[in-house]
């Protein structure tokens, strides 16, 4: 009954998903979605929004049908139905090099902390640590620059997204300074009046072999020796996160 499904990705969430300089949808979830589309008799029409806040506005108003990589929060469950998570990733604290390390979420109470507007980190921090002074930024790039230039003391962000963006933009004065204790569970999320769609997506994702998923991750997260992905501090956090919750679900 719905051969065309309108999908609104996060426009600036690399390497998870993003639009490149030519306006093409790319990233880990773009590759997943292409595999899903081959298995279903539907066409996913990609809708490009200006930012994540606009994405959520559109799905609330049912101007789009599906979110491709949405974190599960109580508020969002009011207007979308989540499929099983396809990625589970830790939230980390980014600071300038030379600042204190081994920070946790309570340490942010004394620090001006940047978060992307409407990301789940904003919801978690407002609920659990209302004393934190939050600096709402439109996207991750703006948050990294705010910390790099000293306009904010810290940025809370998803780990591989932070590292990818730091390397891509060539910012050399930032570090992963600690873990928040929060995780983002990224899922397909269908408009709440289409609950059947999440069941279909769950079944289809289970049919994709784990090796194929790993190959997609390897395409987007490279492990060259000079990459921060290959450095000790990245994998210390990564190992802890995998022990706690796991990185990939499918």
Protein backbone atom coordinates (compact mmCIF):
# COMPACT_ATOMS: atom_id res chain seq x y z
CA UNK A 1 0.00 0.00 0.00
CA UNK A 2 3.00 2.33 0.43
CA UNK A 3 5.50 1.66 -2.37
CA UNK A 4 7.35 4.93 -1.71
CA UNK A 5 8.60 5.59 1.83
CA UNK A 6 9.96 9.01 2.69
CA UNK A 7 13.15 8.79 4.77
CA UNK A 8 14.73 11.74 6.60
CA UNK A 9 18.36 11.07 7.59
CA UNK A 10 20.42 13.18 9.95
CA UNK A 11 22.08 15.55 7.44
CA UNK A 12 25.33 15.88 9.37
CA UNK A 13 26.19 12.73 11.35
CA UNK A 14 29.25 11.20 9.62
CA UNK A 15 30.24 8.42 9.32
CA UNK A 16 26.83 7.15 10.47
CA UNK A 17 24.90 9.14 7.85
CA UNK A 18 25.24 12.51 6.13
CA UNK A 19 24.89 14.38 2.86
CA UNK A 20 28.13 15.05 1.00
CA UNK A 21 29.08 18.24 -0.86
CA UNK A 22 27.08 17.03 -3.89
CA UNK A 23 23.97 16.47 -1.78
CA UNK A 24 24.25 12.67 -1.95
CA UNK A 25 23.20 10.56 1.01
CA UNK A 26 26.17 8.60 2.36
CA UNK A 27 27.44 6.72 5.40
CA UNK A 28 27.00 3.45 7.28
CA UNK A 29 23.21 3.67 7.45
CA UNK A 30 22.94 4.76 3.80
CA UNK A 31 24.65 1.48 2.90
CA UNK A 32 22.32 -0.47 5.21
CA UNK A 33 19.27 1.22 3.68
CA UNK A 34 20.44 0.34 0.17
CA UNK A 35 20.62 -3.33 1.19
CA UNK A 36 17.16 -3.20 2.76
CA UNK A 37 15.68 -1.58 -0.34
CA UNK A 38 16.96 -4.44 -2.51
CA UNK A 39 15.07 -6.93 -0.33
CA UNK A 40 11.73 -5.08 -0.22
CA UNK A 41 9.24 -4.05 -2.94
CA UNK A 42 9.53 -0.38 -1.95
CA UNK A 43 11.51 2.70 -2.86
CA UNK A 44 13.06 4.85 -0.14
CA UNK A 45 12.82 8.51 -1.13
CA UNK A 46 15.53 10.42 0.73
CA UNK A 47 14.40 13.78 2.13
CA UNK A 48 17.20 16.24 2.96
CA UNK A 49 16.56 18.52 5.95
CA UNK A 50 18.69 21.39 7.20
CA UNK A 51 19.40 19.85 10.62
CA UNK A 52 18.26 17.15 13.04
CA UNK A 53 15.78 19.47 14.75
CA UNK A 54 13.97 19.87 11.42
CA UNK A 55 14.07 16.09 10.86
CA UNK A 56 12.18 15.52 14.12
CA UNK A 57 9.68 18.27 13.30
CA UNK A 58 8.91 16.61 9.96
CA UNK A 59 8.36 13.14 11.37
CA UNK A 60 6.16 14.54 14.15
CA UNK A 61 4.06 16.23 11.47
CA UNK A 62 4.11 13.04 9.34
CA UNK A 63 5.74 14.87 6.47
CA UNK A 64 8.24 11.99 6.42
CA UNK A 65 7.62 8.33 7.18
CA UNK A 66 10.87 6.91 8.50
CA UNK A 67 13.98 7.95 10.43
CA UNK A 68 17.02 5.93 9.46
CA UNK A 69 19.26 6.36 12.52
CA UNK A 70 17.26 7.70 15.45
CA UNK A 71 18.26 7.28 19.08
CA UNK A 72 15.61 5.77 21.31
CA UNK A 73 14.24 8.19 23.91
CA UNK A 74 10.96 8.28 25.86
CA UNK A 75 9.87 11.50 24.19
CA UNK A 76 10.33 10.15 20.66
CA UNK A 77 8.33 7.02 21.44
CA UNK A 78 5.26 9.24 21.48
CA UNK A 79 5.37 9.75 17.71
CA UNK A 80 7.57 6.96 16.23
CA UNK A 81 7.87 3.21 16.69
CA UNK A 82 11.45 1.98 16.89
CA UNK A 83 12.88 -1.09 15.22
CA UNK A 84 15.65 -3.05 16.91
CA UNK A 85 18.89 -1.04 17.20
CA UNK A 86 21.36 -1.48 14.36
CA UNK A 87 24.15 0.43 16.13
CA UNK A 88 24.78 0.97 19.86
CA UNK A 89 27.47 3.58 20.52
CA UNK A 90 28.85 5.40 23.57
CA UNK A 91 28.61 9.10 24.25
CA UNK A 92 31.96 10.72 25.08
CA UNK A 93 33.26 14.06 26.30
CA UNK A 94 35.51 16.06 23.98
CA UNK A 95 37.77 18.81 25.39
CA UNK A 96 40.82 20.76 24.31
CA UNK A 97 44.15 19.00 24.68
CA UNK A 98 45.79 19.76 28.00
CA UNK A 99 42.49 19.86 29.87
CA UNK A 100 41.66 17.32 32.56
CA UNK A 101 41.07 13.74 31.43
CA UNK A 102 38.91 10.90 32.78
CA UNK A 103 35.86 13.15 32.98
CA UNK A 104 32.34 11.84 33.59
CA UNK A 105 28.93 13.47 33.20
CA UNK A 106 28.85 14.98 36.75
CA UNK A 107 32.12 16.83 36.00
CA UNK A 108 30.29 18.85 33.34
CA UNK A 109 28.32 20.79 35.95
CA UNK A 110 31.23 23.24 36.22
CA UNK A 111 31.84 23.38 32.46
CA UNK A 112 30.02 25.07 29.59
CA UNK A 113 29.03 22.04 27.54
CA UNK A 114 28.07 22.00 23.87
CA UNK A 115 25.47 19.54 22.56
CA UNK A 116 23.71 19.38 19.22
CA UNK A 117 20.16 20.70 19.55
CA UNK A 118 17.56 17.89 19.86
CA UNK A 119 20.19 15.12 20.06
CA UNK A 120 19.48 12.66 22.87
CA UNK A 121 22.47 13.96 24.86
CA UNK A 122 20.53 17.20 25.43
CA UNK A 123 17.54 15.25 26.76
CA UNK A 124 19.68 13.06 29.04
CA UNK A 125 21.75 15.90 30.48
CA UNK A 126 18.77 18.19 31.10
CA UNK A 127 17.00 15.39 32.97
CA UNK A 128 19.90 14.04 35.03
CA UNK A 129 22.12 17.14 35.46
CA UNK A 130 19.93 20.27 35.21
CA UNK A 131 22.77 22.38 36.61
CA UNK A 132 24.94 21.96 33.51
CA UNK A 133 25.16 25.08 31.35
CA UNK A 134 24.33 23.75 27.89
CA UNK A 135 25.43 25.46 24.69
CA UNK A 136 23.06 24.23 21.95
CA UNK A 137 24.77 24.04 18.55
CA UNK A 138 23.22 23.22 15.15
CA UNK A 139 25.57 20.35 14.28
CA UNK A 140 28.66 18.44 15.38
CA UNK A 141 31.05 20.57 13.34
CA UNK A 142 29.86 23.70 15.16
CA UNK A 143 30.28 21.96 18.51
CA UNK A 144 33.84 20.86 17.76
CA UNK A 145 34.77 24.36 16.64
CA UNK A 146 33.22 25.87 19.78
CA UNK A 147 35.44 23.69 21.96
CA UNK A 148 38.51 24.13 19.76
CA UNK A 149 38.20 27.94 19.88
CA UNK A 150 37.43 28.07 23.61
CA UNK A 151 33.80 29.17 23.30
CA UNK A 152 32.77 25.97 25.13
CA UNK A 153 34.66 23.79 27.58
CA UNK A 154 33.39 20.43 26.38
CA UNK A 155 31.25 18.68 23.79
CA UNK A 156 29.14 15.58 24.38
CA UNK A 157 28.93 13.52 21.21
CA UNK A 158 28.80 9.98 19.86
CA UNK A 159 32.31 8.49 19.86
CA UNK A 160 32.99 7.47 16.23
CA UNK A 161 31.16 10.54 14.95
CA UNK A 162 33.43 12.82 16.99
CA UNK A 163 36.60 11.09 15.84
CA UNK A 164 35.54 11.03 12.19
CA UNK A 165 34.67 14.73 12.25
CA UNK A 166 37.87 15.73 14.06
CA UNK A 167 39.99 13.95 11.46
CA UNK A 168 37.98 15.18 8.48
CA UNK A 169 38.17 18.81 9.59
CA UNK A 170 41.80 18.59 10.65
CA UNK A 171 41.26 19.89 14.18
CA UNK A 172 44.42 19.09 16.12
CA UNK A 173 43.80 20.53 19.60
CA UNK A 174 40.99 18.25 20.79
CA UNK A 175 40.96 15.03 22.81
CA UNK A 176 38.56 12.37 24.04
CA UNK A 177 38.54 13.29 27.74
CA UNK A 178 36.04 10.83 29.18
CA UNK A 179 32.82 8.86 28.96
CA UNK A 180 29.32 10.04 29.80
CA UNK A 181 27.91 6.67 30.82
CA UNK A 182 25.18 7.16 28.19
CA UNK A 183 24.73 5.18 24.99
CA UNK A 184 22.88 5.96 21.81
CA UNK A 185 20.82 3.10 20.39
CA UNK A 186 20.38 3.96 16.73
CA UNK A 187 17.38 2.41 15.00
CA UNK A 188 15.03 2.76 12.12
CA UNK A 189 11.97 4.58 13.49
CA UNK A 190 8.67 4.58 11.60
CA UNK A 191 5.80 7.01 12.10
CA UNK A 192 3.63 5.67 14.91
CA UNK A 193 0.60 5.00 12.70
CA UNK A 194 2.71 2.58 10.58
CA UNK A 195 3.77 0.03 13.25
CA UNK A 196 3.91 -2.76 10.65
CA UNK A 197 6.90 -1.09 9.02
CA UNK A 198 9.17 -1.63 12.02
CA UNK A 199 8.41 -5.36 12.02
CA UNK A 200 9.25 -5.57 8.33
CA UNK A 201 12.52 -3.71 8.89
CA UNK A 202 13.46 -5.93 11.84
CA UNK A 203 12.95 -9.05 9.73
CA UNK A 204 14.88 -7.62 6.78
CA UNK A 205 17.86 -6.51 8.89
CA UNK A 206 18.09 -10.00 10.42
CA UNK A 207 18.53 -11.38 6.91
CA UNK A 208 21.69 -9.34 6.30
CA UNK A 209 24.74 -11.49 7.24
CA UNK A 210 26.92 -10.14 10.08
CA UNK A 211 29.94 -10.27 7.77
CA UNK A 212 28.20 -7.88 5.36
CA UNK A 213 27.51 -5.45 8.21
CA UNK A 214 31.13 -5.65 9.35
CA UNK A 215 32.28 -4.92 5.80
CA UNK A 216 30.16 -1.78 5.76
CA UNK A 217 31.64 -0.62 9.06
CA UNK A 218 35.16 -1.26 7.78
CA UNK A 219 34.41 0.85 4.72
CA UNK A 220 33.58 3.88 6.86
CA UNK A 221 35.88 3.43 9.87
CA UNK A 222 39.42 3.07 8.60
CA UNK A 223 42.28 1.77 10.72
CA UNK A 224 45.37 3.28 9.15
CA UNK A 225 48.23 3.64 11.68
CA UNK A 226 47.96 7.44 11.70
CA UNK A 227 44.22 7.36 12.40
CA UNK A 228 42.97 8.06 15.91
CA UNK A 229 40.79 4.97 15.45
CA UNK A 230 44.01 2.96 15.78
CA UNK A 231 45.21 4.77 18.89
CA UNK A 232 45.17 3.45 22.44
CA UNK A 233 42.62 5.88 23.90
CA UNK A 234 40.01 5.10 21.25
CA UNK A 235 40.09 1.36 21.78
CA UNK A 236 40.17 1.62 25.59
CA UNK A 237 36.79 3.32 25.43
CA UNK A 238 35.65 1.04 22.61
CA UNK A 239 36.46 -2.15 24.54
CA UNK A 240 34.65 -0.89 27.63
CA UNK A 241 31.62 -0.03 25.56
CA UNK A 242 31.53 -3.40 23.84
CA UNK A 243 31.74 -5.20 27.18
CA UNK A 244 28.85 -3.15 28.51
CA UNK A 245 26.35 -3.03 25.66
CA UNK A 246 27.88 -4.08 22.34
CA UNK A 247 28.48 -1.88 19.33
CA UNK A 248 26.47 -3.60 16.63
CA UNK A 249 23.04 -5.12 16.86
CA UNK A 250 21.16 -6.57 14.05
